[in-house]
PDB file of N, CA and C in Angstrom:
ATOM      1  N   UNK A   1       1.038  -1.501   0.087  1.00  0.00           N
ATOM      2  CA  UNK A   1      -0.261   0.391  -0.115  1.00  0.00           C
ATOM      3  C   UNK A   1       0.971   1.465  -0.203  1.00  0.00           C
ATOM      4  N   UNK A   2       0.426   2.724  -0.783  1.00  0.00           N
ATOM      5  CA  UNK A   2       1.175   3.543  -0.951  1.00  0.00           C
ATOM      6  C   UNK A   2       0.215   4.700  -0.479  1.00  0.00           C
ATOM      7  N   UNK A   3       1.114   5.834  -0.027  1.00  0.00           N
ATOM      8  CA  UNK A   3       0.330   7.066   0.061  1.00  0.00           C
ATOM      9  C   UNK A   3      -0.230   8.337  -0.766  1.00  0.00           C
ATOM     10  N   UNK A   4      -1.179   8.337  -1.158  1.00  0.00           N
ATOM     11  CA  UNK A   4      -1.513   8.791  -2.587  1.00  0.00           C
ATOM     12  C   UNK A   4      -2.415  10.179  -2.120  1.00  0.00           C
ATOM     13  N   UNK A   5      -1.681  11.192  -3.038  1.00  0.00           N
ATOM     14  CA  UNK A   5      -2.633  12.566  -2.419  1.00  0.00           C
ATOM     15  C   UNK A   5      -4.292  12.928  -2.632  1.00  0.00           C
ATOM     16  N   UNK A   6      -4.962  13.033  -2.236  1.00  0.00           N
ATOM     17  CA  UNK A   6      -6.624  13.065  -2.284  1.00  0.00           C
ATOM     18  C   UNK A   6      -6.695  13.911  -3.474  1.00  0.00           C
ATOM     19  N   UNK A   7      -5.668  15.443  -3.792  1.00  0.00           N
ATOM     20  CA  UNK A   7      -6.047  16.429  -4.106  1.00  0.00           C
ATOM     21  C   UNK A   7      -4.833  16.706  -5.306  1.00  0.00           C
ATOM     22  N   UNK A   8      -5.425  17.555  -5.878  1.00  0.00           N
ATOM     23  CA  UNK A   8      -4.289  18.163  -7.175  1.00  0.00           C
ATOM     24  C   UNK A   8      -3.135  18.898  -6.156  1.00  0.00           C
ATOM     25  N   UNK A   9      -1.902  18.922  -6.740  1.00  0.00           N
ATOM     26  CA  UNK A   9      -0.861  19.381  -6.284  1.00  0.00           C
ATOM     27  C   UNK A   9       0.278  18.214  -5.656  1.00  0.00           C
ATOM     28  N   UNK A  10       1.245  18.644  -6.246  1.00  0.00           N
ATOM     29  CA  UNK A  10       2.546  17.641  -5.693  1.00  0.00           C
ATOM     30  C   UNK A  10       3.431  18.619  -4.330  1.00  0.00           C
ATOM     31  N   UNK A  11       3.986  17.971  -3.896  1.00  0.00           N
ATOM     32  CA  UNK A  11       5.084  18.229  -3.232  1.00  0.00           C
ATOM     33  C   UNK A  11       5.815  20.019  -2.839  1.00  0.00           C
ATOM     34  N   UNK A  12       6.441  19.666  -4.257  1.00  0.00           N
ATOM     35  CA  UNK A  12       6.765  20.484  -5.352  1.00  0.00           C
ATOM     36  C   UNK A  12       5.988  22.038  -5.611  1.00  0.00           C
ATOM     37  N   UNK A  13       4.801  22.056  -5.313  1.00  0.00           N
ATOM     38  CA  UNK A  13       3.658  22.571  -5.979  1.00  0.00           C
ATOM     39  C   UNK A  13       2.390  22.339  -4.946  1.00  0.00           C
ATOM     40  N   UNK A  14       2.544  22.758  -3.932  1.00  0.00           N
ATOM     41  CA  UNK A  14       1.285  22.713  -3.231  1.00  0.00           C
ATOM     42  C   UNK A  14       0.299  23.586  -3.264  1.00  0.00           C
ATOM     43  N   UNK A  15      -0.754  23.489  -3.138  1.00  0.00           N
ATOM     44  CA  UNK A  15      -1.830  23.884  -3.465  1.00  0.00           C
ATOM     45  C   UNK A  15      -1.814  25.549  -2.743  1.00  0.00           C
ATOM     46  N   UNK A  16      -1.454  25.507  -1.414  1.00  0.00           N
ATOM     47  CA  UNK A  16      -0.887  27.085  -1.124  1.00  0.00           C
ATOM     48  C   UNK A  16       0.553  27.016  -1.025  1.00  0.00           C
ATOM     49  N   UNK A  17       1.086  28.072  -1.758  1.00  0.00           N
ATOM     50  CA  UNK A  17       2.190  28.141  -1.475  1.00  0.00           C
ATOM     51  C   UNK A  17       2.784  28.423  -0.371  1.00  0.00           C
ATOM     52  N   UNK A  18       4.017  27.703   0.579  1.00  0.00           N
ATOM     53  CA  UNK A  18       4.347  28.218   1.753  1.00  0.00           C
ATOM     54  C   UNK A  18       5.377  29.360   1.850  1.00  0.00           C
ATOM     55  N   UNK A  19       4.611  30.814   1.704  1.00  0.00           N
ATOM     56  CA  UNK A  19       5.061  31.964   1.690  1.00  0.00           C
ATOM     57  C   UNK A  19       4.095  32.661   2.356  1.00  0.00           C
ATOM     58  N   UNK A  20       4.396  33.964   2.800  1.00  0.00           N
ATOM     59  CA  UNK A  20       3.589  34.738   3.419  1.00  0.00           C
ATOM     60  C   UNK A  20       2.598  35.374   2.793  1.00  0.00           C
ATOM     61  N   UNK A  21       2.724  35.794   1.581  1.00  0.00           N
ATOM     62  CA  UNK A  21       1.854  36.133   0.488  1.00  0.00           C
ATOM     63  C   UNK A  21       0.959  34.547   0.019  1.00  0.00           C
ATOM     64  N   UNK A  22       1.494  33.696  -0.111  1.00  0.00           N
ATOM     65  CA  UNK A  22       0.466  32.340  -0.204  1.00  0.00           C
ATOM     66  C   UNK A  22      -0.254  32.056   0.909  1.00  0.00           C
ATOM     67  N   UNK A  23       0.185  32.110   2.185  1.00  0.00           N
ATOM     68  CA  UNK A  23      -0.661  31.640   3.328  1.00  0.00           C
ATOM     69  C   UNK A  23      -1.990  32.760   3.445  1.00  0.00           C
ATOM     70  N   UNK A  24      -1.567  34.438   3.523  1.00  0.00           N
ATOM     71  CA  UNK A  24      -2.225  35.099   3.652  1.00  0.00           C
ATOM     72  C   UNK A  24      -3.932  35.376   2.750  1.00  0.00           C
ATOM     73  N   UNK A  25      -3.535  34.710   1.453  1.00  0.00           N
ATOM     74  CA  UNK A  25      -4.261  34.676   0.490  1.00  0.00           C
ATOM     75  C   UNK A  25      -5.102  33.913   0.628  1.00  0.00           C
ATOM     76  N   UNK A  26      -4.893  32.596   0.988  1.00  0.00           N
ATOM     77  CA  UNK A  26      -5.441  31.296   1.486  1.00  0.00           C
ATOM     78  C   UNK A  26      -6.507  31.107   2.785  1.00  0.00           C
ATOM     79  N   UNK A  27      -6.397  32.167   3.650  1.00  0.00           N
ATOM     80  CA  UNK A  27      -6.890  31.897   4.854  1.00  0.00           C
ATOM     81  C   UNK A  27      -8.152  32.757   4.747  1.00  0.00           C
ATOM     82  N   UNK A  28      -9.186  32.096   5.353  1.00  0.00           N
ATOM     83  CA  UNK A  28     -10.464  32.946   5.164  1.00  0.00           C
ATOM     84  C   UNK A  28     -10.911  33.658   6.296  1.00  0.00           C
ATOM     85  N   UNK A  29     -11.373  34.838   6.265  1.00  0.00           N
ATOM     86  CA  UNK A  29     -12.074  35.606   7.015  1.00  0.00           C
ATOM     87  C   UNK A  29     -11.019  36.261   7.604  1.00  0.00           C
ATOM     88  N   UNK A  30     -11.508  36.664   9.057  1.00  0.00           N
ATOM     89  CA  UNK A  30     -10.666  37.024   9.972  1.00  0.00           C
ATOM     90  C   UNK A  30      -9.318  36.448  10.479  1.00  0.00           C
ATOM     91  N   UNK A  31      -8.900  35.101   9.978  1.00  0.00           N
ATOM     92  CA  UNK A  31      -7.842  34.202  10.332  1.00  0.00           C
ATOM     93  C   UNK A  31      -6.712  35.150   9.673  1.00  0.00           C
ATOM     94  N   UNK A  32      -6.882  35.728   8.710  1.00  0.00           N
ATOM     95  CA  UNK A  32      -5.820  36.523   7.699  1.00  0.00           C
ATOM     96  C   UNK A  32      -5.462  37.201   9.033  1.00  0.00           C
ATOM     97  N   UNK A  33      -5.999  38.346   9.569  1.00  0.00           N
ATOM     98  CA  UNK A  33      -5.654  39.301  10.136  1.00  0.00           C
ATOM     99  C   UNK A  33      -4.983  38.489  11.583  1.00  0.00           C
ATOM    100  N   UNK A  34      -5.348  37.285  12.274  1.00  0.00           N
ATOM    101  CA  UNK A  34      -4.830  36.482  13.427  1.00  0.00           C
ATOM    102  C   UNK A  34      -3.676  36.069  12.625  1.00  0.00           C
ATOM    103  N   UNK A  35      -3.139  35.749  11.422  1.00  0.00           N
ATOM    104  CA  UNK A  35      -1.955  35.546  11.040  1.00  0.00           C
ATOM    105  C   UNK A  35      -1.059  36.272  11.123  1.00  0.00           C
ATOM    106  N   UNK A  36      -1.365  37.855  10.566  1.00  0.00           N
ATOM    107  CA  UNK A  36      -0.647  38.662  10.654  1.00  0.00           C
ATOM    108  C   UNK A  36      -0.265  39.203  12.040  1.00  0.00           C
ATOM    109  N   UNK A  37      -0.641  38.975  12.765  1.00  0.00           N
ATOM    110  CA  UNK A  37      -0.587  39.498  14.224  1.00  0.00           C
ATOM    111  C   UNK A  37       0.072  38.899  14.721  1.00  0.00           C
ATOM    112  N   UNK A  38       0.628  37.267  14.701  1.00  0.00           N
ATOM    113  CA  UNK A  38       0.974  36.197  15.193  1.00  0.00           C
ATOM    114  C   UNK A  38       2.545  36.598  14.345  1.00  0.00           C
ATOM    115  N   UNK A  39       2.450  36.751  12.889  1.00  0.00           N
ATOM    116  CA  UNK A  39       3.614  37.016  12.301  1.00  0.00           C
ATOM    117  C   UNK A  39       4.027  38.155  12.525  1.00  0.00           C
ATOM    118  N   UNK A  40       3.601  39.366  12.701  1.00  0.00           N
ATOM    119  CA  UNK A  40       4.686  40.466  12.992  1.00  0.00           C
ATOM    120  C   UNK A  40       4.763  40.631  14.775  1.00  0.00           C
ATOM    121  N   UNK A  41       5.026  39.588  15.409  1.00  0.00           N
ATOM    122  CA  UNK A  41       5.404  39.138  17.028  1.00  0.00           C
ATOM    123  C   UNK A  41       6.589  38.510  16.931  1.00  0.00           C
ATOM    124  N   UNK A  42       6.199  37.633  15.763  1.00  0.00           N
ATOM    125  CA  UNK A  42       7.376  35.902  16.010  1.00  0.00           C
ATOM    126  C   UNK A  42       8.997  37.060  15.694  1.00  0.00           C
ATOM    127  N   UNK A  43       9.847  36.451  16.349  1.00  0.00           N
ATOM    128  CA  UNK A  43      11.257  36.584  16.395  1.00  0.00           C
ATOM    129  C   UNK A  43      11.913  35.825  15.167  1.00  0.00           C
ATOM    130  N   UNK A  44      12.854  36.489  14.479  1.00  0.00           N
ATOM    131  CA  UNK A  44      13.480  35.857  13.327  1.00  0.00           C
ATOM    132  C   UNK A  44      13.683  34.189  13.994  1.00  0.00           C
ATOM    133  N   UNK A  45      13.847  33.157  13.167  1.00  0.00           N
ATOM    134  CA  UNK A  45      14.478  31.981  13.460  1.00  0.00           C
ATOM    135  C   UNK A  45      12.955  30.759  13.834  1.00  0.00           C
ATOM    136  N   UNK A  46      13.249  30.301  14.667  1.00  0.00           N
ATOM    137  CA  UNK A  46      12.589  29.057  15.029  1.00  0.00           C
ATOM    138  C   UNK A  46      10.746  29.412  15.294  1.00  0.00           C
ATOM    139  N   UNK A  47      11.140  30.604  16.088  1.00  0.00           N
ATOM    140  CA  UNK A  47       9.389  31.228  16.451  1.00  0.00           C
ATOM    141  C   UNK A  47       8.784  31.574  14.935  1.00  0.00           C
ATOM    142  N   UNK A  48       9.251  32.402  14.198  1.00  0.00           N
ATOM    143  CA  UNK A  48       8.822  32.306  12.905  1.00  0.00           C
ATOM    144  C   UNK A  48       8.742  31.377  11.901  1.00  0.00           C
ATOM    145  N   UNK A  49       9.671  30.489  11.938  1.00  0.00           N
ATOM    146  CA  UNK A  49       9.431  29.469  11.296  1.00  0.00           C
ATOM    147  C   UNK A  49       7.849  28.668  11.802  1.00  0.00           C
ATOM    148  N   UNK A  50       8.042  28.406  13.224  1.00  0.00           N
ATOM    149  CA  UNK A  50       6.653  27.735  13.853  1.00  0.00           C
ATOM    150  C   UNK A  50       5.588  28.366  13.027  1.00  0.00           C
ATOM    151  N   UNK A  51       5.344  29.775  13.367  1.00  0.00           N
ATOM    152  CA  UNK A  51       3.797  30.581  13.034  1.00  0.00           C
ATOM    153  C   UNK A  51       3.647  30.336  11.252  1.00  0.00           C
ATOM    154  N   UNK A  52       4.818  30.275  10.624  1.00  0.00           N
ATOM    155  CA  UNK A  52       4.630  30.093   9.425  1.00  0.00           C
ATOM    156  C   UNK A  52       3.989  28.617   9.150  1.00  0.00           C
ATOM    157  N   UNK A  53       4.479  27.662   9.604  1.00  0.00           N
ATOM    158  CA  UNK A  53       4.397  26.212   9.507  1.00  0.00           C
ATOM    159  C   UNK A  53       2.769  25.764  10.097  1.00  0.00           C
ATOM    160  N   UNK A  54       2.358  26.541  11.401  1.00  0.00           N
ATOM    161  CA  UNK A  54       1.168  26.161  11.711  1.00  0.00           C
ATOM    162  C   UNK A  54       0.102  26.825  10.937  1.00  0.00           C
ATOM    163  N   UNK A  55       0.199  28.326  10.076  1.00  0.00           N
ATOM    164  CA  UNK A  55      -0.556  28.722   9.448  1.00  0.00           C
ATOM    165  C   UNK A  55      -0.889  28.317   8.217  1.00  0.00           C
ATOM    166  N   UNK A  56       0.177  27.732   7.735  1.00  0.00           N
ATOM    167  CA  UNK A  56       0.307  26.935   6.313  1.00  0.00           C
ATOM    168  C   UNK A  56      -0.610  25.762   6.211  1.00  0.00           C
ATOM    169  N   UNK A  57      -0.763  24.880   7.553  1.00  0.00           N
ATOM    170  CA  UNK A  57      -1.373  24.181   7.958  1.00  0.00           C
ATOM    171  C   UNK A  57      -2.690  24.395   7.863  1.00  0.00           C
ATOM    172  N   UNK A  58      -2.927  25.507   8.186  1.00  0.00           N
ATOM    173  CA  UNK A  58      -4.361  26.165   8.540  1.00  0.00           C
ATOM    174  C   UNK A  58      -4.805  26.573   7.411  1.00  0.00           C
ATOM    175  N   UNK A  59      -4.016  27.292   6.104  1.00  0.00           N
ATOM    176  CA  UNK A  59      -4.292  27.763   5.232  1.00  0.00           C
ATOM    177  C   UNK A  59      -4.776  26.582   4.169  1.00  0.00           C
ATOM    178  N   UNK A  60      -4.006  25.238   4.362  1.00  0.00           N
ATOM    179  CA  UNK A  60      -4.653  24.522   3.628  1.00  0.00           C
ATOM    180  C   UNK A  60      -5.208  23.989   3.768  1.00  0.00           C
ATOM    181  N   UNK A  61      -5.702  23.607   5.354  1.00  0.00           N
ATOM    182  CA  UNK A  61      -7.254  23.325   5.381  1.00  0.00           C
ATOM    183  C   UNK A  61      -8.872  24.115   5.348  1.00  0.00           C
ATOM    184  N   UNK A  62      -8.203  25.445   5.106  1.00  0.00           N
ATOM    185  CA  UNK A  62      -9.193  26.341   4.281  1.00  0.00           C
ATOM    186  C   UNK A  62      -9.072  25.915   2.867  1.00  0.00           C
ATOM    187  N   UNK A  63      -8.565  26.051   2.103  1.00  0.00           N
ATOM    188  CA  UNK A  63      -8.612  25.536   1.276  1.00  0.00           C
ATOM    189  C   UNK A  63      -8.535  24.117   0.564  1.00  0.00           C
ATOM    190  N   UNK A  64      -8.904  23.347   1.232  1.00  0.00           N
ATOM    191  CA  UNK A  64      -9.341  22.086   0.702  1.00  0.00           C
ATOM    192  C   UNK A  64     -10.756  21.762   0.404  1.00  0.00           C
ATOM    193  N   UNK A  65     -10.587  21.677  -1.111  1.00  0.00           N
ATOM    194  CA  UNK A  65     -11.873  21.132  -1.887  1.00  0.00           C
ATOM    195  C   UNK A  65     -13.221  20.482  -1.118  1.00  0.00           C
ATOM    196  N   UNK A  66     -12.618  19.606  -0.257  1.00  0.00           N
ATOM    197  CA  UNK A  66     -13.874  18.706   0.767  1.00  0.00           C
ATOM    198  C   UNK A  66     -13.581  19.176   1.782  1.00  0.00           C
ATOM    199  N   UNK A  67     -13.430  20.582   2.332  1.00  0.00           N
ATOM    200  CA  UNK A  67     -13.327  20.843   3.773  1.00  0.00           C
ATOM    201  C   UNK A  67     -14.805  20.722   4.549  1.00  0.00           C
ATOM    202  N   UNK A  68     -16.114  21.446   3.358  1.00  0.00           N
ATOM    203  CA  UNK A  68     -17.142  21.490   4.258  1.00  0.00           C
ATOM    204  C   UNK A  68     -17.773  20.118   4.451  1.00  0.00           C
ATOM    205  N   UNK A  69     -17.534  19.059   3.316  1.00  0.00           N
ATOM    206  CA  UNK A  69     -18.122  17.791   3.335  1.00  0.00           C
ATOM    207  C   UNK A  69     -17.661  16.792   4.618  1.00  0.00           C
ATOM    208  N   UNK A  70     -16.010  16.913   4.981  1.00  0.00           N
ATOM    209  CA  UNK A  70     -15.400  16.659   5.779  1.00  0.00           C
ATOM    210  C   UNK A  70     -15.977  17.081   7.114  1.00  0.00           C
ATOM    211  N   UNK A  71     -16.313  18.610   7.465  1.00  0.00           N
ATOM    212  CA  UNK A  71     -16.578  19.091   7.977  1.00  0.00           C
ATOM    213  C   UNK A  71     -17.544  18.345   9.282  1.00  0.00           C
ATOM    214  N   UNK A  72     -18.994  18.549   8.127  1.00  0.00           N
ATOM    215  CA  UNK A  72     -20.278  17.846   8.245  1.00  0.00           C
ATOM    216  C   UNK A  72     -20.236  16.618   8.775  1.00  0.00           C
ATOM    217  N   UNK A  73     -19.503  15.842   7.693  1.00  0.00           N
ATOM    218  CA  UNK A  73     -19.274  14.542   8.396  1.00  0.00           C
ATOM    219  C   UNK A  73     -18.963  14.476   9.882  1.00  0.00           C
ATOM    220  N   UNK A  74     -17.787  15.262   9.982  1.00  0.00           N
ATOM    221  CA  UNK A  74     -17.416  15.220  11.719  1.00  0.00           C
ATOM    222  C   UNK A  74     -18.457  15.362  12.906  1.00  0.00           C
ATOM    223  N   UNK A  75     -18.988  16.507  12.327  1.00  0.00           N
ATOM    224  CA  UNK A  75     -20.221  17.075  13.252  1.00  0.00           C
ATOM    225  C   UNK A  75     -21.224  15.971  13.333  1.00  0.00           C
ATOM    226  N   UNK A  76     -21.297  15.169  12.576  1.00  0.00           N
ATOM    227  CA  UNK A  76     -22.521  14.116  12.291  1.00  0.00           C
ATOM    228  C   UNK A  76     -22.073  12.923  12.726  1.00  0.00           C
ATOM    229  N   UNK A  77     -20.817  12.855  13.050  1.00  0.00           N
ATOM    230  CA  UNK A  77     -20.177  11.417  13.670  1.00  0.00           C
ATOM    231  C   UNK A  77     -20.156  10.670  12.724  1.00  0.00           C
ATOM    232  N   UNK A  78     -19.654  11.010  11.094  1.00  0.00           N
ATOM    233  CA  UNK A  78     -20.014   9.833  10.505  1.00  0.00           C
ATOM    234  C   UNK A  78     -18.372   9.816   9.290  1.00  0.00           C
ATOM    235  N   UNK A  79     -17.659  10.718  10.044  1.00  0.00           N
ATOM    236  CA  UNK A  79     -16.472  10.578   9.293  1.00  0.00           C
ATOM    237  C   UNK A  79     -15.853   9.158   9.583  1.00  0.00           C
ATOM    238  N   UNK A  80     -15.332   8.718   8.619  1.00  0.00           N
ATOM    239  CA  UNK A  80     -14.347   7.417   8.713  1.00  0.00           C
ATOM    240  C   UNK A  80     -13.177   7.457   9.813  1.00  0.00           C
ATOM    241  N   UNK A  81     -13.118   6.857  10.625  1.00  0.00           N
ATOM    242  CA  UNK A  81     -11.846   7.172  11.316  1.00  0.00           C
ATOM    243  C   UNK A  81     -11.176   5.392  11.438  1.00  0.00           C
ATOM    244  N   UNK A  82      -9.752   5.555  11.889  1.00  0.00           N
ATOM    245  CA  UNK A  82      -8.896   4.408  11.909  1.00  0.00           C
ATOM    246  C   UNK A  82      -8.112   4.488  13.348  1.00  0.00           C
ATOM    247  N   UNK A  83      -8.372   3.504  13.947  1.00  0.00           N
ATOM    248  CA  UNK A  83      -7.588   3.504  15.552  1.00  0.00           C
ATOM    249  C   UNK A  83      -6.202   3.733  14.975  1.00  0.00           C
ATOM    250  N   UNK A  84      -5.623   3.807  16.442  1.00  0.00           N
ATOM    251  CA  UNK A  84      -3.958   4.186  16.145  1.00  0.00           C
ATOM    252  C   UNK A  84      -3.153   2.632  16.478  1.00  0.00           C
ATOM    253  N   UNK A  85      -3.938   1.492  17.223  1.00  0.00           N
ATOM    254  CA  UNK A  85      -3.640   0.154  16.842  1.00  0.00           C
ATOM    255  C   UNK A  85      -3.726  -0.268  15.197  1.00  0.00           C
ATOM    256  N   UNK A  86      -4.803   0.145  14.733  1.00  0.00           N
ATOM    257  CA  UNK A  86      -4.520   0.001  12.965  1.00  0.00           C
ATOM    258  C   UNK A  86      -3.550   0.568  12.381  1.00  0.00           C
ATOM    259  N   UNK A  87      -3.505   1.772  12.373  1.00  0.00           N
ATOM    260  CA  UNK A  87      -2.493   2.195  11.887  1.00  0.00           C
ATOM    261  C   UNK A  87      -0.666   2.065  12.029  1.00  0.00           C
ATOM    262  N   UNK A  88      -1.077   1.049  13.338  1.00  0.00           N
ATOM    263  CA  UNK A  88       0.858   0.872  13.603  1.00  0.00           C
ATOM    264  C   UNK A  88       1.116  -0.690  13.135  1.00  0.00           C
ATOM    265  N   UNK A  89      -0.442  -1.310  12.922  1.00  0.00           N
ATOM    266  CA  UNK A  89      -0.551  -2.836  12.257  1.00  0.00           C
ATOM    267  C   UNK A  89      -0.139  -2.544  10.906  1.00  0.00           C
ATOM    268  N   UNK A  90      -0.788  -1.637  10.280  1.00  0.00           N
ATOM    269  CA  UNK A  90      -0.329  -1.142   8.719  1.00  0.00           C
ATOM    270  C   UNK A  90       1.482  -0.953   8.387  1.00  0.00           C
ATOM    271  N   UNK A  91       1.824  -0.319   9.494  1.00  0.00           N
ATOM    272  CA  UNK A  91       2.824   0.163   8.925  1.00  0.00           C
ATOM    273  C   UNK A  91       4.073  -1.165   9.483  1.00  0.00           C
ATOM    274  N   UNK A  92       3.564  -2.020  10.562  1.00  0.00           N
ATOM    275  CA  UNK A  92       4.513  -3.115  10.840  1.00  0.00           C
ATOM    276  C   UNK A  92       4.607  -3.873   9.366  1.00  0.00           C
ATOM    277  N   UNK A  93       3.112  -4.039   8.789  1.00  0.00           N
ATOM    278  CA  UNK A  93       2.755  -5.066   7.827  1.00  0.00           C
ATOM    279  C   UNK A  93       4.222  -4.489   6.498  1.00  0.00           C
ATOM    280  N   UNK A  94       4.129  -2.856   6.711  1.00  0.00           N
ATOM    281  CA  UNK A  94       4.601  -2.227   5.233  1.00  0.00           C
ATOM    282  C   UNK A  94       5.829  -2.302   5.531  1.00  0.00           C
ATOM    283  N   UNK A  95       6.332  -2.579   6.674  1.00  0.00           N
ATOM    284  CA  UNK A  95       7.922  -2.762   6.759  1.00  0.00           C
ATOM    285  C   UNK A  95       8.598  -4.295   6.415  1.00  0.00           C
ATOM    286  N   UNK A  96       7.574  -4.933   7.061  1.00  0.00           N
ATOM    287  CA  UNK A  96       7.404  -6.674   6.515  1.00  0.00           C
ATOM    288  C   UNK A  96       7.933  -6.683   5.016  1.00  0.00           C
ATOM    289  N   UNK A  97       7.347  -6.006   4.504  1.00  0.00           N
ATOM    290  CA  UNK A  97       7.101  -6.472   2.929  1.00  0.00           C
ATOM    291  C   UNK A  97       8.885  -6.524   2.392  1.00  0.00           C
TER     292      UNK A  97
END
């Protein structure tokens, strides 16, 4: 078994560019203002990297084409899930190959 992306966009061409402009363009509503507030307070280095990484993840979620469907399924309790035990079992099977 291999992992395949669910949506268009390769690792070298993500749906949201990992830049300040790319992230801010992708964020919805007041989240953009929150992003800039955290960005302006962050020190250059690991702290700034942490802000960019966290908000890039949020921007990716905001631009996910299935976002509303997944959220509705989660709220309805119908979102498919996998236990941690199952994930570990699959990883062990994969390593054994």
